Amino acid sequence: MREKHSSIFNTFPKITCETQDIDRRTDFHRIARHDIPGASSRIMKRIIPIFCFSAILVSFFQESAWSGARKPASQVSYNIKVSFLKGRAISFADFDLVYLGDRHVSSPHFPRGFQYFDFLAETASEQVNVSWSSGTGEIGPTEFKIGGKIYLLELRGSKTHGRLEPDELVITRK
């Protein structure tokens, strides 16, 4: 005689094996342990397509987010807040700007030293290293020249936008 179970196992279909009729609870545990013939292949037939689709999605997003680190996504206007990441190019109308990282420089006159943020501005024919630092505390832009034009790089604070987040910059044409 068969008992009725009042649990979530009532939602599972009843599976009949060759030799005996198995109740739902036992069936669930046997499927989980792969004891029922064919259960493993049925599960794998469902899991493999899901796994493959997930792997394709992950590789697509990883490819677009990281492997094209030096490729600019789209062109950015001057005098707006722009987020930056290490190794990721930001494309402006006249040049691309890549954040290379930050470095600490010690000084005998200033015990705490200086934190520099290094960028590479590049055109098809020219590359210019741009380093920004707040120096001894005065937050101001760093001027650089590329392609015969002068630009200002602002970090931490902007004259037009106020306080900037640690991963934001503003480029202004002078």
C-alpha atoms as a PDB file:
ATOM      1  CA  MET A   1       0.000   0.000   0.000  1.00  0.00           C
ATOM      2  CA  ARG A   2       1.220   3.428  -0.844  1.00  0.00           C
ATOM      3  CA  GLU A   3       1.406   6.410   1.558  1.00  0.00           C
ATOM      4  CA  LYS A   4       0.602   9.932   0.507  1.00  0.00           C
ATOM      5  CA  HIS A   5       3.328  12.451   1.198  1.00  0.00           C
ATOM      6  CA  SER A   6       2.452  16.024   2.020  1.00  0.00           C
ATOM      7  CA  SER A   7       5.601  17.701   0.780  1.00  0.00           C
ATOM      8  CA  ILE A   8       7.093  19.263  -2.276  1.00  0.00           C
ATOM      9  CA  PHE A   9       7.768  15.786  -3.648  1.00  0.00           C
ATOM     10  CA  ASN A  10       4.102  15.469  -4.639  1.00  0.00           C
ATOM     11  CA  THR A  11       4.855  17.776  -7.534  1.00  0.00           C
ATOM     12  CA  PHE A  12       7.332  15.317  -9.086  1.00  0.00           C
ATOM     13  CA  PRO A  13       5.912  12.887 -11.638  1.00  0.00           C
ATOM     14  CA  LYS A  14       5.667   9.256 -10.761  1.00  0.00           C
ATOM     15  CA  ILE A  15       8.314   7.166 -12.524  1.00  0.00           C
ATOM     16  CA  THR A  16       7.819   3.475 -13.076  1.00  0.00           C
ATOM     17  CA  CYS A  17      10.863   1.223 -13.299  1.00  0.00           C
ATOM     18  CA  GLU A  18      10.937  -2.180 -14.959  1.00  0.00           C
ATOM     19  CA  THR A  19      10.683  -4.175 -11.757  1.00  0.00           C
ATOM     20  CA  GLN A  20       8.872  -1.999  -9.290  1.00  0.00           C
ATOM     21  CA  ASP A  21       6.771   1.081  -8.735  1.00  0.00           C
ATOM     22  CA  ILE A  22       8.755   3.705  -6.805  1.00  0.00           C
ATOM     23  CA  ASP A  23       7.072   6.403  -4.767  1.00  0.00           C
ATOM     24  CA  ARG A  24       7.871  10.022  -5.461  1.00  0.00           C
ATOM     25  CA  ARG A  25      10.187  10.636  -2.524  1.00  0.00           C
ATOM     26  CA  THR A  26      12.355   7.609  -3.216  1.00  0.00           C
ATOM     27  CA  ASP A  27      12.312   8.489  -6.904  1.00  0.00           C
ATOM     28  CA  PHE A  28      13.570  12.000  -6.178  1.00  0.00           C
ATOM     29  CA  HIS A  29      16.453  10.708  -4.071  1.00  0.00           C
ATOM     30  CA  ARG A  30      17.361   8.053  -6.609  1.00  0.00           C
ATOM     31  CA  ILE A  31      17.404  10.639  -9.430  1.00  0.00           C
ATOM     32  CA  ALA A  32      19.642  12.851  -7.315  1.00  0.00           C
ATOM     33  CA  ARG A  33      22.008   9.900  -6.813  1.00  0.00           C
ATOM     34  CA  HIS A  34      21.689   8.840 -10.491  1.00  0.00           C
ATOM     35  CA  ASP A  35      20.361   5.360  -9.535  1.00  0.00           C
ATOM     36  CA  ILE A  36      17.501   5.326 -12.037  1.00  0.00           C
ATOM     37  CA  PRO A  37      18.522   4.091 -15.481  1.00  0.00           C
ATOM     38  CA  GLY A  38      18.423   6.909 -18.024  1.00  0.00           C
ATOM     39  CA  ALA A  39      17.979   9.660 -15.432  1.00  0.00           C
ATOM     40  CA  SER A  40      21.556  10.798 -15.814  1.00  0.00           C
ATOM     41  CA  SER A  41      21.273  11.129 -19.585  1.00  0.00           C
ATOM     42  CA  ARG A  42      17.958  13.026 -19.271  1.00  0.00           C
ATOM     43  CA  ILE A  43      19.527  15.441 -16.815  1.00  0.00           C
ATOM     44  CA  MET A  44      22.613  15.878 -18.979  1.00  0.00           C
ATOM     45  CA  LYS A  45      20.464  16.533 -22.065  1.00  0.00           C
ATOM     46  CA  ARG A  46      18.971  19.486 -20.189  1.00  0.00           C
ATOM     47  CA  ILE A  47      22.141  20.748 -18.516  1.00  0.00           C
ATOM     48  CA  ILE A  48      24.538  20.665 -21.491  1.00  0.00           C
ATOM     49  CA  PRO A  49      22.600  23.179 -23.661  1.00  0.00           C
ATOM     50  CA  ILE A  50      22.173  25.496 -20.676  1.00  0.00           C
ATOM     51  CA  PHE A  51      25.883  25.231 -19.849  1.00  0.00           C
ATOM     52  CA  CYS A  52      26.906  25.859 -23.470  1.00  0.00           C
ATOM     53  CA  PHE A  53      24.616  28.875 -23.770  1.00  0.00           C
ATOM     54  CA  SER A  54      25.955  30.282 -20.492  1.00  0.00           C
ATOM     55  CA  ALA A  55      29.557  29.773 -21.608  1.00  0.00           C
ATOM     56  CA  ILE A  56      28.870  31.588 -24.875  1.00  0.00           C
ATOM     57  CA  LEU A  57      27.277  34.515 -23.026  1.00  0.00           C
ATOM     58  CA  VAL A  58      30.139  34.755 -20.551  1.00  0.00           C
ATOM     59  CA  SER A  59      32.762  34.638 -23.292  1.00  0.00           C
ATOM     60  CA  PHE A  60      30.910  37.289 -25.295  1.00  0.00           C
ATOM     61  CA  PHE A  61      30.696  39.709 -22.388  1.00  0.00           C
ATOM     62  CA  GLN A  62      34.248  38.960 -21.307  1.00  0.00           C
ATOM     63  CA  GLU A  63      35.471  39.598 -24.852  1.00  0.00           C
ATOM     64  CA  SER A  64      33.645  42.893 -25.128  1.00  0.00           C
ATOM     65  CA  ALA A  65      34.568  44.090 -21.637  1.00  0.00           C
ATOM     66  CA  TRP A  66      38.206  43.051 -21.221  1.00  0.00           C
ATOM     67  CA  SER A  67      40.011  41.805 -24.300  1.00  0.00           C
ATOM     68  CA  GLY A  68      39.367  45.007 -26.209  1.00  0.00           C
ATOM     69  CA  ALA A  69      40.855  47.024 -23.393  1.00  0.00           C
ATOM     70  CA  ARG A  70      42.700  49.413 -25.693  1.00  0.00           C
ATOM     71  CA  LYS A  71      39.822  49.722 -28.166  1.00  0.00           C
ATOM     72  CA  PRO A  72      37.615  52.746 -27.515  1.00  0.00           C
ATOM     73  CA  ALA A  73      33.922  51.919 -27.311  1.00  0.00           C
ATOM     74  CA  SER A  74      32.574  55.201 -28.694  1.00  0.00           C
ATOM     75  CA  GLN A  75      33.598  58.827 -28.979  1.00  0.00           C
ATOM     76  CA  VAL A  76      33.181  61.054 -25.917  1.00  0.00           C
ATOM     77  CA  SER A  77      32.596  64.823 -25.943  1.00  0.00           C
ATOM     78  CA  TYR A  78      34.903  67.290 -24.253  1.00  0.00           C
ATOM     79  CA  ASN A  79      33.997  68.986 -20.968  1.00  0.00           C
ATOM     80  CA  ILE A  80      31.851  66.148 -19.572  1.00  0.00           C
ATOM     81  CA  LYS A  81      32.422  63.678 -16.734  1.00  0.00           C
ATOM     82  CA  VAL A  82      33.819  60.407 -18.038  1.00  0.00           C
ATOM     83  CA  SER A  83      34.478  57.208 -16.068  1.00  0.00           C
ATOM     84  CA  PHE A  84      37.830  55.535 -16.649  1.00  0.00           C
ATOM     85  CA  LEU A  85      39.351  52.096 -15.996  1.00  0.00           C
ATOM     86  CA  LYS A  86      42.942  50.938 -16.098  1.00  0.00           C
ATOM     87  CA  GLY A  87      43.924  49.933 -19.635  1.00  0.00           C
ATOM     88  CA  ARG A  88      40.615  51.065 -21.156  1.00  0.00           C
ATOM     89  CA  ALA A  89      40.782  53.657 -23.947  1.00  0.00           C
ATOM     90  CA  ILE A  90      38.492  56.684 -23.967  1.00  0.00           C
ATOM     91  CA  SER A  91      38.063  58.105 -27.453  1.00  0.00           C
ATOM     92  CA  PHE A  92      37.779  61.865 -27.872  1.00  0.00           C
ATOM     93  CA  ALA A  93      37.431  63.681 -31.213  1.00  0.00           C
ATOM     94  CA  ASP A  94      41.174  64.350 -31.572  1.00  0.00           C
ATOM     95  CA  PHE A  95      42.858  61.586 -29.540  1.00  0.00           C
ATOM     96  CA  ASP A  96      42.409  58.480 -27.387  1.00  0.00           C
ATOM     97  CA  LEU A  97      43.206  58.551 -23.679  1.00  0.00           C
ATOM     98  CA  VAL A  98      44.243  55.390 -21.786  1.00  0.00           C
ATOM     99  CA  TYR A  99      44.591  55.209 -18.000  1.00  0.00           C
ATOM    100  CA  LEU A 100      47.867  53.391 -17.237  1.00  0.00           C
ATOM    101  CA  GLY A 101      47.614  53.324 -13.444  1.00  0.00           C
ATOM    102  CA  ASP A 102      48.789  55.267 -10.419  1.00  0.00           C
ATOM    103  CA  ARG A 103      52.131  55.427  -8.651  1.00  0.00           C
ATOM    104  CA  HIS A 104      53.520  56.853  -5.429  1.00  0.00           C
ATOM    105  CA  VAL A 105      56.549  59.149  -5.567  1.00  0.00           C
ATOM    106  CA  SER A 106      58.328  60.032  -2.320  1.00  0.00           C
ATOM    107  CA  SER A 107      59.833  63.447  -1.753  1.00  0.00           C
ATOM    108  CA  PRO A 108      62.367  64.726   0.800  1.00  0.00           C
ATOM    109  CA  HIS A 109      60.408  67.992   1.108  1.00  0.00           C
ATOM    110  CA  PHE A 110      56.967  66.432   1.482  1.00  0.00           C
ATOM    111  CA  PRO A 111      56.981  63.384   3.827  1.00  0.00           C
ATOM    112  CA  ARG A 112      53.725  61.852   2.546  1.00  0.00           C
ATOM    113  CA  GLY A 113      54.968  61.921  -1.023  1.00  0.00           C
ATOM    114  CA  PHE A 114      52.817  62.346  -4.113  1.00  0.00           C
ATOM    115  CA  GLN A 115      50.281  60.119  -5.805  1.00  0.00           C
ATOM    116  CA  TYR A 116      50.462  60.339  -9.608  1.00  0.00           C
ATOM    117  CA  PHE A 117      47.812  59.109 -12.044  1.00  0.00           C
ATOM    118  CA  ASP A 118      49.363  58.254 -15.401  1.00  0.00           C
ATOM    119  CA  PHE A 119      47.572  58.419 -18.743  1.00  0.00           C
ATOM    120  CA  LEU A 120      48.648  57.957 -22.339  1.00  0.00           C
ATOM    121  CA  ALA A 121      47.163  60.314 -24.927  1.00  0.00           C
ATOM    122  CA  GLU A 122      47.598  59.011 -28.453  1.00  0.00           C
ATOM    123  CA  THR A 123      46.753  59.851 -32.029  1.00  0.00           C
ATOM    124  CA  ALA A 124      47.677  57.887 -35.138  1.00  0.00           C
ATOM    125  CA  SER A 125      51.072  59.626 -35.254  1.00  0.00           C
ATOM    126  CA  GLU A 126      51.812  60.808 -31.694  1.00  0.00           C
ATOM    127  CA  GLN A 127      51.866  59.555 -28.095  1.00  0.00           C
ATOM    128  CA  VAL A 128      52.083  61.786 -25.033  1.00  0.00           C
ATOM    129  CA  ASN A 129      52.370  60.677 -21.403  1.00  0.00           C
ATOM    130  CA  VAL A 130      50.143  62.708 -19.090  1.00  0.00           C
ATOM    131  CA  SER A 131      50.583  62.551 -15.311  1.00  0.00           C
ATOM    132  CA  TRP A 132      48.141  64.183 -12.914  1.00  0.00           C
ATOM    133  CA  SER A 133      48.777  64.783  -9.226  1.00  0.00           C
ATOM    134  CA  SER A 134      47.092  66.891  -6.605  1.00  0.00           C
ATOM    135  CA  GLY A 135      50.605  67.865  -5.497  1.00  0.00           C
ATOM    136  CA  THR A 136      50.575  69.388  -2.033  1.00  0.00           C
ATOM    137  CA  GLY A 137      46.799  69.614  -1.935  1.00  0.00           C
ATOM    138  CA  GLU A 138      45.694  72.125  -4.549  1.00  0.00           C
ATOM    139  CA  ILE A 139      43.391  70.288  -6.900  1.00  0.00           C
ATOM    140  CA  GLY A 140      43.836  71.629 -10.398  1.00  0.00           C
ATOM    141  CA  PRO A 141      44.001  70.484 -14.002  1.00  0.00           C
ATOM    142  CA  THR A 142      47.072  69.132 -15.773  1.00  0.00           C
ATOM    143  CA  GLU A 143      47.806  70.702 -19.121  1.00  0.00           C
ATOM    144  CA  PHE A 144      49.040  68.622 -22.046  1.00  0.00           C
ATOM    145  CA  LYS A 145      49.547  69.127 -25.765  1.00  0.00           C
ATOM    146  CA  ILE A 146      48.802  66.609 -28.504  1.00  0.00           C
ATOM    147  CA  GLY A 147      48.190  67.101 -32.203  1.00  0.00           C
ATOM    148  CA  GLY A 148      49.132  70.776 -31.917  1.00  0.00           C
ATOM    149  CA  LYS A 149      46.247  71.496 -29.490  1.00  0.00           C
ATOM    150  CA  ILE A 150      46.291  72.108 -25.747  1.00  0.00           C
ATOM    151  CA  TYR A 151      43.985  70.202 -23.385  1.00  0.00           C
ATOM    152  CA  LEU A 152      43.316  70.130 -19.637  1.00  0.00           C
ATOM    153  CA  LEU A 153      42.907  66.894 -17.652  1.00  0.00           C
ATOM    154  CA  GLU A 154      40.908  67.244 -14.435  1.00  0.00           C
ATOM    155  CA  LEU A 155      40.675  64.594 -11.716  1.00  0.00           C
ATOM    156  CA  ARG A 156      39.130  64.748  -8.216  1.00  0.00           C
ATOM    157  CA  GLY A 157      37.630  68.170  -8.925  1.00  0.00           C
ATOM    158  CA  SER A 158      36.521  70.189 -11.915  1.00  0.00           C
ATOM    159  CA  LYS A 159      35.921  73.910 -12.287  1.00  0.00           C
ATOM    160  CA  THR A 160      32.720  73.272 -14.229  1.00  0.00           C
ATOM    161  CA  HIS A 161      31.482  70.000 -12.662  1.00  0.00           C
ATOM    162  CA  GLY A 162      32.645  70.325  -9.052  1.00  0.00           C
ATOM    163  CA  ARG A 163      33.781  67.249  -7.143  1.00  0.00           C
ATOM    164  CA  LEU A 164      34.595  64.170  -9.251  1.00  0.00           C
ATOM    165  CA  GLU A 165      34.439  60.529  -8.193  1.00  0.00           C
ATOM    166  CA  PRO A 166      37.789  58.669  -7.955  1.00  0.00           C
ATOM    167  CA  ASP A 167      37.135  56.997 -11.329  1.00  0.00           C
ATOM    168  CA  GLU A 168      35.948  60.114 -13.188  1.00  0.00           C
ATOM    169  CA  LEU A 169      37.825  62.672 -15.276  1.00  0.00           C
ATOM    170  CA  VAL A 170      37.060  65.706 -17.407  1.00  0.00           C
ATOM    171  CA  ILE A 171      39.004  66.697 -20.557  1.00  0.00           C
ATOM    172  CA  THR A 172      38.658  70.299 -21.699  1.00  0.00           C
ATOM    173  CA  ARG A 173      40.049  71.936 -24.820  1.00  0.00           C
ATOM    174  CA  LYS A 174      41.962  75.093 -23.976  1.00  0.00           C
END
